[in-house]
Structures are given as C-alpha cells and as structure tokens.
N, C-alpha and C. Protein backbone atom coordinates (compact mmCIF):
# COMPACT_ATOMS: atom_id res chain seq x y z
N MET A 1 121.37 142.63 79.87
CA MET A 1 120.23 142.33 79.02
C MET A 1 119.05 142.00 79.92
N SER A 2 117.96 142.69 79.71
CA SER A 2 116.78 142.44 80.52
C SER A 2 115.76 141.60 79.73
N ILE A 3 114.90 140.93 80.47
CA ILE A 3 113.87 140.09 79.85
C ILE A 3 112.57 140.86 79.88
N ASP A 4 111.93 140.94 78.72
CA ASP A 4 110.64 141.61 78.61
C ASP A 4 109.54 140.59 78.89
N ALA A 5 108.89 140.69 80.06
CA ALA A 5 107.87 139.72 80.46
C ALA A 5 106.59 139.87 79.66
N THR A 6 106.41 140.98 78.98
CA THR A 6 105.18 141.18 78.20
C THR A 6 105.28 140.56 76.82
N ARG A 7 106.47 140.25 76.41
CA ARG A 7 106.69 139.66 75.08
C ARG A 7 106.61 138.14 75.17
N PRO A 8 105.74 137.51 74.37
CA PRO A 8 105.61 136.05 74.44
C PRO A 8 106.89 135.36 73.99
N LEU A 9 107.19 134.27 74.64
CA LEU A 9 108.35 133.48 74.26
C LEU A 9 108.03 132.67 73.02
N HIS A 10 109.00 132.50 72.18
CA HIS A 10 108.81 131.70 70.98
C HIS A 10 108.94 130.22 71.35
N VAL A 11 107.97 129.44 70.94
CA VAL A 11 108.00 128.00 71.20
C VAL A 11 107.97 127.30 69.85
N ALA A 12 108.96 126.45 69.65
CA ALA A 12 109.03 125.70 68.39
C ALA A 12 107.84 124.75 68.31
N PRO A 13 107.37 124.43 67.09
CA PRO A 13 106.20 123.56 66.93
C PRO A 13 106.34 122.22 67.64
N HIS A 14 107.51 121.58 67.56
CA HIS A 14 107.67 120.28 68.21
C HIS A 14 107.60 120.41 69.73
N GLN A 15 108.01 121.58 70.25
CA GLN A 15 107.94 121.79 71.70
C GLN A 15 106.49 121.95 72.15
N SER A 16 105.67 122.60 71.32
CA SER A 16 104.27 122.78 71.72
C SER A 16 103.53 121.44 71.70
N VAL A 17 103.90 120.55 70.79
CA VAL A 17 103.30 119.22 70.75
C VAL A 17 103.73 118.43 71.99
N LEU A 18 104.99 118.52 72.35
CA LEU A 18 105.48 117.86 73.55
C LEU A 18 104.80 118.40 74.80
N PHE A 19 104.64 119.71 74.85
CA PHE A 19 103.99 120.33 75.99
C PHE A 19 102.53 119.88 76.09
N ALA A 20 101.83 119.83 74.97
CA ALA A 20 100.44 119.39 74.97
C ALA A 20 100.34 117.94 75.42
N SER A 21 101.27 117.11 74.97
CA SER A 21 101.27 115.70 75.36
C SER A 21 101.54 115.56 76.85
N LEU A 22 102.48 116.32 77.36
CA LEU A 22 102.79 116.31 78.78
C LEU A 22 101.60 116.79 79.59
N GLN A 23 100.96 117.84 79.12
CA GLN A 23 99.80 118.39 79.80
C GLN A 23 98.66 117.35 79.87
N GLN A 24 98.44 116.63 78.78
CA GLN A 24 97.41 115.58 78.76
C GLN A 24 97.77 114.47 79.74
N SER A 25 99.02 114.08 79.77
CA SER A 25 99.45 113.02 80.69
C SER A 25 99.25 113.43 82.14
N VAL A 26 99.62 114.64 82.47
CA VAL A 26 99.46 115.13 83.84
C VAL A 26 97.98 115.22 84.20
N THR A 27 97.17 115.70 83.29
CA THR A 27 95.72 115.79 83.53
C THR A 27 95.13 114.41 83.76
N ARG A 28 95.51 113.44 82.93
CA ARG A 28 95.01 112.06 83.11
C ARG A 28 95.45 111.50 84.46
N TRP A 29 96.69 111.79 84.85
CA TRP A 29 97.19 111.31 86.13
C TRP A 29 96.36 111.89 87.29
N PHE A 30 96.08 113.21 87.23
CA PHE A 30 95.29 113.83 88.30
C PHE A 30 93.88 113.27 88.34
N VAL A 31 93.26 113.07 87.20
CA VAL A 31 91.91 112.49 87.16
C VAL A 31 91.92 111.10 87.76
N ARG A 32 92.92 110.32 87.39
CA ARG A 32 93.03 108.95 87.92
C ARG A 32 93.22 108.97 89.45
N GLN A 33 94.01 109.90 89.96
CA GLN A 33 94.21 110.01 91.41
C GLN A 33 92.90 110.37 92.11
N GLN A 34 92.14 111.28 91.51
CA GLN A 34 90.85 111.65 92.09
C GLN A 34 89.90 110.46 92.13
N ILE A 35 89.90 109.66 91.08
CA ILE A 35 89.05 108.46 91.03
C ILE A 35 89.49 107.47 92.11
N LYS A 36 90.81 107.27 92.26
CA LYS A 36 91.32 106.36 93.29
C LYS A 36 90.88 106.81 94.68
N ILE A 37 90.96 108.10 94.95
CA ILE A 37 90.55 108.63 96.25
C ILE A 37 89.06 108.38 96.47
N GLN A 38 88.25 108.64 95.46
CA GLN A 38 86.81 108.45 95.59
C GLN A 38 86.48 106.97 95.82
N ILE A 39 87.12 106.08 95.08
CA ILE A 39 86.85 104.65 95.24
C ILE A 39 87.29 104.17 96.62
N SER A 40 88.42 104.64 97.11
CA SER A 40 88.88 104.28 98.45
C SER A 40 87.87 104.73 99.50
N ARG A 41 87.35 105.93 99.33
CA ARG A 41 86.34 106.45 100.27
C ARG A 41 85.08 105.58 100.23
N GLU A 42 84.63 105.24 99.03
CA GLU A 42 83.44 104.39 98.88
C GLU A 42 83.64 103.02 99.51
N ARG A 43 84.82 102.46 99.35
CA ARG A 43 85.11 101.14 99.94
C ARG A 43 85.15 101.20 101.46
N ARG A 44 85.69 102.28 102.03
CA ARG A 44 85.68 102.44 103.48
C ARG A 44 84.25 102.57 104.00
N GLU A 45 83.44 103.34 103.28
CA GLU A 45 82.05 103.52 103.69
C GLU A 45 81.27 102.21 103.58
N LEU A 46 81.54 101.44 102.55
CA LEU A 46 80.88 100.14 102.38
C LEU A 46 81.21 99.23 103.55
N LYS A 47 82.47 99.21 103.93
CA LYS A 47 82.92 98.36 105.04
C LYS A 47 82.22 98.74 106.35
N ALA A 48 81.88 100.02 106.50
CA ALA A 48 81.28 100.50 107.74
C ALA A 48 79.75 100.31 107.80
N LEU A 49 79.14 99.90 106.70
CA LEU A 49 77.69 99.74 106.71
C LEU A 49 77.25 98.59 107.60
N PRO A 50 76.13 98.74 108.28
CA PRO A 50 75.61 97.65 109.10
C PRO A 50 75.03 96.53 108.23
N PRO A 51 74.93 95.31 108.77
CA PRO A 51 74.46 94.17 107.97
C PRO A 51 73.10 94.36 107.31
N TYR A 52 72.16 95.05 107.97
CA TYR A 52 70.84 95.20 107.35
C TYR A 52 70.89 96.07 106.09
N LEU A 53 71.80 97.06 106.05
CA LEU A 53 71.95 97.88 104.85
C LEU A 53 72.69 97.11 103.75
N LEU A 54 73.68 96.31 104.15
CA LEU A 54 74.38 95.47 103.16
C LEU A 54 73.39 94.52 102.50
N LYS A 55 72.48 93.96 103.31
CA LYS A 55 71.47 93.05 102.77
C LYS A 55 70.57 93.77 101.77
N ASP A 56 70.25 95.04 102.06
CA ASP A 56 69.43 95.84 101.14
C ASP A 56 70.08 96.01 99.77
N ILE A 57 71.41 96.09 99.74
CA ILE A 57 72.07 96.25 98.44
C ILE A 57 72.54 94.93 97.85
N GLY A 58 72.21 93.82 98.56
CA GLY A 58 72.45 92.50 97.99
C GLY A 58 73.82 91.90 98.22
N ILE A 59 74.52 92.34 99.25
CA ILE A 59 75.82 91.73 99.57
C ILE A 59 75.88 91.42 101.06
N ASN A 60 76.78 90.54 101.44
CA ASN A 60 76.94 90.22 102.86
C ASN A 60 78.21 90.89 103.39
N SER A 61 78.44 90.76 104.68
CA SER A 61 79.58 91.45 105.30
C SER A 61 80.92 90.93 104.79
N HIS A 62 80.98 89.64 104.45
CA HIS A 62 82.23 89.10 103.90
C HIS A 62 82.55 89.74 102.55
N GLU A 63 81.55 89.88 101.69
CA GLU A 63 81.77 90.51 100.38
C GLU A 63 82.15 91.99 100.55
N ALA A 64 81.51 92.67 101.50
CA ALA A 64 81.84 94.07 101.75
C ALA A 64 83.28 94.20 102.24
N TYR A 65 83.68 93.31 103.13
CA TYR A 65 85.06 93.34 103.64
C TYR A 65 86.06 93.08 102.51
N ARG A 66 85.75 92.08 101.68
CA ARG A 66 86.65 91.74 100.57
C ARG A 66 86.79 92.92 99.61
N GLU A 67 85.68 93.59 99.32
CA GLU A 67 85.72 94.77 98.44
C GLU A 67 86.53 95.89 99.09
N SER A 68 86.37 96.07 100.39
CA SER A 68 87.08 97.16 101.07
C SER A 68 88.59 96.92 101.14
N MET A 69 89.02 95.68 101.00
CA MET A 69 90.44 95.36 101.07
C MET A 69 91.14 95.44 99.71
N ARG A 70 90.38 95.70 98.65
CA ARG A 70 91.01 95.82 97.33
C ARG A 70 91.92 97.05 97.31
N ALA A 71 92.95 96.97 96.52
CA ALA A 71 93.92 98.08 96.40
C ALA A 71 93.26 99.30 95.76
N SER A 72 93.70 100.46 96.14
CA SER A 72 93.13 101.68 95.56
C SER A 72 93.44 101.79 94.07
N SER A 73 94.48 101.12 93.64
CA SER A 73 94.82 101.13 92.22
C SER A 73 93.95 100.17 91.41
N ASP A 74 93.15 99.36 92.10
CA ASP A 74 92.25 98.41 91.44
C ASP A 74 90.94 99.12 91.12
N ILE A 75 90.95 99.81 90.00
CA ILE A 75 89.80 100.60 89.58
C ILE A 75 88.91 99.75 88.68
N PRO A 76 87.60 99.69 88.98
CA PRO A 76 86.68 98.93 88.12
C PRO A 76 86.69 99.50 86.69
N CYS A 77 86.47 98.64 85.72
CA CYS A 77 86.52 99.03 84.31
C CYS A 77 85.54 100.18 84.00
N ASN A 78 84.37 100.15 84.62
CA ASN A 78 83.38 101.18 84.30
C ASN A 78 83.70 102.53 84.94
N ARG A 79 84.74 102.62 85.74
CA ARG A 79 85.14 103.87 86.39
C ARG A 79 86.45 104.43 85.84
N LYS A 80 87.10 103.70 84.93
CA LYS A 80 88.38 104.18 84.41
C LYS A 80 88.17 105.36 83.48
N PRO A 81 89.07 106.35 83.57
CA PRO A 81 88.94 107.54 82.71
C PRO A 81 89.26 107.24 81.26
C-alpha cells in the first residue's frame, strides 16, 4: 500500500483544536525567548555604559549593575507578550 502525498490527511476536529492550541503555545514560547534575549542584551549594554551616559539617563553605576544582574526570565511587565 502506497501513500499518496498529494491527498490531504483527514484531521478530526478535536485534533485540529489541539494542534492550534499547541501551535499558539509554541509561538508564545518563541516570542518570549526572543524577548528574553533582547532584554539580556540591553542589560549587558547598560552595564557597559560609562558613568556620564548613565547620569544622562538618570541612573548611577550601582543601579545599572543591579539591573544587569537580574535574571533573563525577569521580564518587566510592560515587555511581556
């Protein structure tokens, strides 16, 4: 018995709902990972700024260091997907 690749497979309705739910979960996970990477990069860059630039944005080197040490999973509320 051969499989016809041009013929669509039948998917039961409950399976398509499960697939859509899984697809949404995976998409949310990828978006969240991208946000974590971006925030980690921003925190590293903040830590590397010289004191005169930190003063321009209203923080000191201790605050910049503290922010840079936060976990990548610690996403600010205004950045959550």
